[in-house]
Protein backbone atom coordinates (compact mmCIF):
# COMPACT_ATOMS: atom_id res chain seq x y z
CA MET A 1 75.54 188.38 64.23
CA THR A 2 78.91 188.18 65.13
CA LEU A 3 81.96 185.79 65.70
CA ILE A 4 84.54 186.64 67.92
CA GLN A 5 87.33 183.30 68.41
CA LYS A 6 89.80 183.60 70.86
CA SER A 7 92.66 180.93 72.39
CA VAL A 8 95.81 181.02 74.86
CA THR A 9 97.53 178.53 76.41
CA ILE A 10 98.35 178.90 79.76
CA ASN A 11 101.53 177.38 81.99
CA ALA A 12 99.46 176.11 84.56
CA PRO A 13 97.37 173.28 85.40
CA VAL A 14 93.64 172.81 84.75
CA ASP A 15 92.82 172.94 88.01
CA SER A 16 94.15 175.81 88.48
CA VAL A 17 92.83 177.53 85.60
CA LEU A 18 89.16 176.49 86.70
CA ALA A 19 89.89 178.11 90.17
CA ILE A 20 89.79 181.37 89.14
CA LEU A 21 87.57 180.58 85.52
CA GLU A 22 84.52 178.82 88.13
CA ASP A 23 85.09 181.75 90.61
CA PRO A 24 81.74 184.04 90.56
CA GLU A 25 83.45 186.91 92.64
CA ARG A 26 86.82 186.50 90.41
CA GLN A 27 84.59 187.74 87.53
CA SER A 28 85.57 191.24 87.55
CA GLU A 29 89.58 190.15 88.31
CA LEU A 30 88.97 188.65 84.48
CA ASN A 31 86.67 190.90 82.26
CA PRO A 32 87.63 194.54 85.14
CA ASN A 33 84.07 196.01 82.48
CA LEU A 34 81.82 192.67 83.99
CA LYS A 35 80.43 193.47 87.86
CA LEU A 36 78.41 190.71 88.86
CA LEU A 37 75.11 192.02 91.18
CA SER A 38 74.15 188.08 91.80
CA HIS A 39 74.80 184.46 91.21
CA HIS A 40 72.89 181.14 92.52
CA PRO A 41 74.03 177.65 91.00
CA SER A 42 72.61 176.90 87.48
CA PRO A 43 70.49 173.13 87.27
CA LEU A 44 73.08 172.55 85.08
CA GLY A 45 76.55 173.44 86.78
CA PHE A 46 78.41 176.65 87.28
CA TYR A 47 76.54 179.16 87.96
CA ASP A 48 73.55 181.50 86.54
CA THR A 49 74.17 185.68 86.95
CA GLN A 50 73.20 188.80 86.72
CA TRP A 51 75.41 191.35 86.15
CA GLU A 52 75.95 195.50 84.78
CA TYR A 53 79.04 195.71 82.36
CA LYS A 54 80.37 198.74 80.13
CA MET A 55 80.98 198.90 77.33
CA ALA A 56 81.18 202.09 74.92
CA GLY A 57 80.62 204.57 77.12
CA MET A 58 77.52 202.45 78.13
CA LYS A 59 76.20 200.48 80.37
CA PHE A 60 74.00 197.62 80.16
CA SER A 61 72.49 195.67 82.87
CA GLY A 62 70.99 191.74 82.26
CA GLU A 63 71.53 188.04 83.14
CA SER A 64 73.43 185.21 82.18
CA THR A 65 71.73 181.31 81.70
CA VAL A 66 74.01 178.35 81.63
CA ILE A 67 72.74 176.26 78.27
CA ALA A 68 75.44 173.56 78.51
CA TYR A 69 77.84 172.65 81.53
CA GLU A 70 81.06 169.63 81.30
CA GLN A 71 82.93 170.55 84.65
CA GLY A 72 86.37 171.35 84.06
CA LYS A 73 86.28 171.51 79.92
CA HIS A 74 83.35 173.21 78.13
CA ILE A 75 80.26 175.63 79.54
CA VAL A 76 78.23 177.80 77.38
CA PHE A 77 75.80 180.31 78.19
CA GLU A 78 73.67 183.03 76.79
CA SER A 79 73.09 186.45 78.33
CA LYS A 80 70.27 188.82 77.96
CA GLY A 81 70.02 192.53 77.86
CA GLY A 82 71.48 195.15 75.49
CA ILE A 83 72.80 193.14 73.66
CA ASP A 84 71.78 189.18 73.17
CA SER A 85 74.87 187.20 73.47
CA ARG A 86 76.53 184.00 74.06
CA TRP A 87 79.87 182.89 75.40
CA GLU A 88 81.54 179.70 74.85
CA TRP A 89 84.34 177.80 76.87
CA THR A 90 86.18 175.35 75.91
CA ILE A 91 88.97 174.11 77.72
CA THR A 92 91.77 171.53 78.08
CA SER A 93 93.95 169.95 80.05
CA GLN A 94 97.87 169.65 78.75
CA GLY A 95 99.53 168.20 81.32
CA THR A 96 101.10 171.03 83.00
CA SER A 97 99.62 173.61 80.81
CA THR A 98 95.67 174.45 79.69
CA GLN A 99 94.45 175.75 76.03
CA VAL A 100 91.66 177.76 77.00
CA ALA A 101 89.34 178.79 73.62
CA LEU A 102 86.29 181.37 73.86
CA ALA A 103 83.95 181.99 70.98
CA LEU A 104 81.87 184.94 71.77
CA THR A 105 78.38 185.28 70.00
CA TYR A 106 76.56 188.33 70.13
CA THR A 107 73.53 190.14 67.52
CA MET A 108 73.53 194.42 67.61
CA PRO A 109 70.01 195.65 68.20
CA GLY A 110 68.32 197.58 65.54
CA SER A 111 68.92 197.00 61.87
CA LEU A 112 71.03 199.19 59.94
CA LEU A 113 72.31 201.64 63.17
CA GLY A 114 73.00 198.55 65.23
CA ALA A 115 75.05 196.99 62.41
CA ALA A 116 76.76 200.37 61.13
CA LEU A 117 77.58 200.75 65.59
CA ASN A 118 79.01 197.16 66.06
CA LYS A 119 81.39 197.55 62.80
CA LEU A 120 82.66 200.82 64.09
CA VAL A 121 82.97 200.73 67.61
CA ILE A 122 81.65 197.46 69.22
CA GLU A 123 83.24 194.56 67.26
CA GLY A 124 86.68 195.59 68.34
CA GLN A 125 85.40 197.03 71.63
CA ASN A 126 84.18 193.12 72.22
CA GLU A 127 87.80 191.64 70.84
CA LYS A 128 89.61 193.23 72.83
CA ASP A 129 87.19 192.42 75.71
CA VAL A 130 88.07 189.32 74.90
CA GLU A 131 91.68 189.18 74.46
CA GLY A 132 91.50 190.84 77.59
CA GLU A 133 89.57 188.35 79.70
CA LEU A 134 92.17 185.19 78.37
CA ALA A 135 95.02 187.23 79.48
CA ASN A 136 93.89 188.07 82.99
CA LEU A 137 92.86 184.82 82.90
CA LYS A 138 96.48 183.58 81.68
CA ARG A 139 98.40 186.22 84.28
CA LEU A 140 96.47 184.64 87.25
CA SER A 141 96.52 181.20 87.01
CA GLU A 142 100.10 181.69 85.96
CA SER A 143 100.97 183.06 88.97
């Protein structure tokens, strides 16, 4: 299991950040490697999705299900398909700015080959993707 944790301070109020983060139509703006195929409201809040994801020249398809949601503060969803993962967003209002943290936990399929591929390629790509997603959220929220 691999854990990647990153955070960013966004110079915008929490409502502006959430308007982008919680809009399913804007997810590809946050992460250009992600294409939502469909989305529907989750019983817990937020939304469950079916998606395609491009990584390291490969395309994965799967679905994400919300497992915890506290509006405006915390979103956790699990993704199944290709590489199983858990995405945990923590949003903290700081007056006129917002702190956003993202923790990605995932497990590569396979045994030694999956672990080797993870260390050589996937972990670095996932770290760049998480950093890029937070940077895009910051850019879009501050504009």
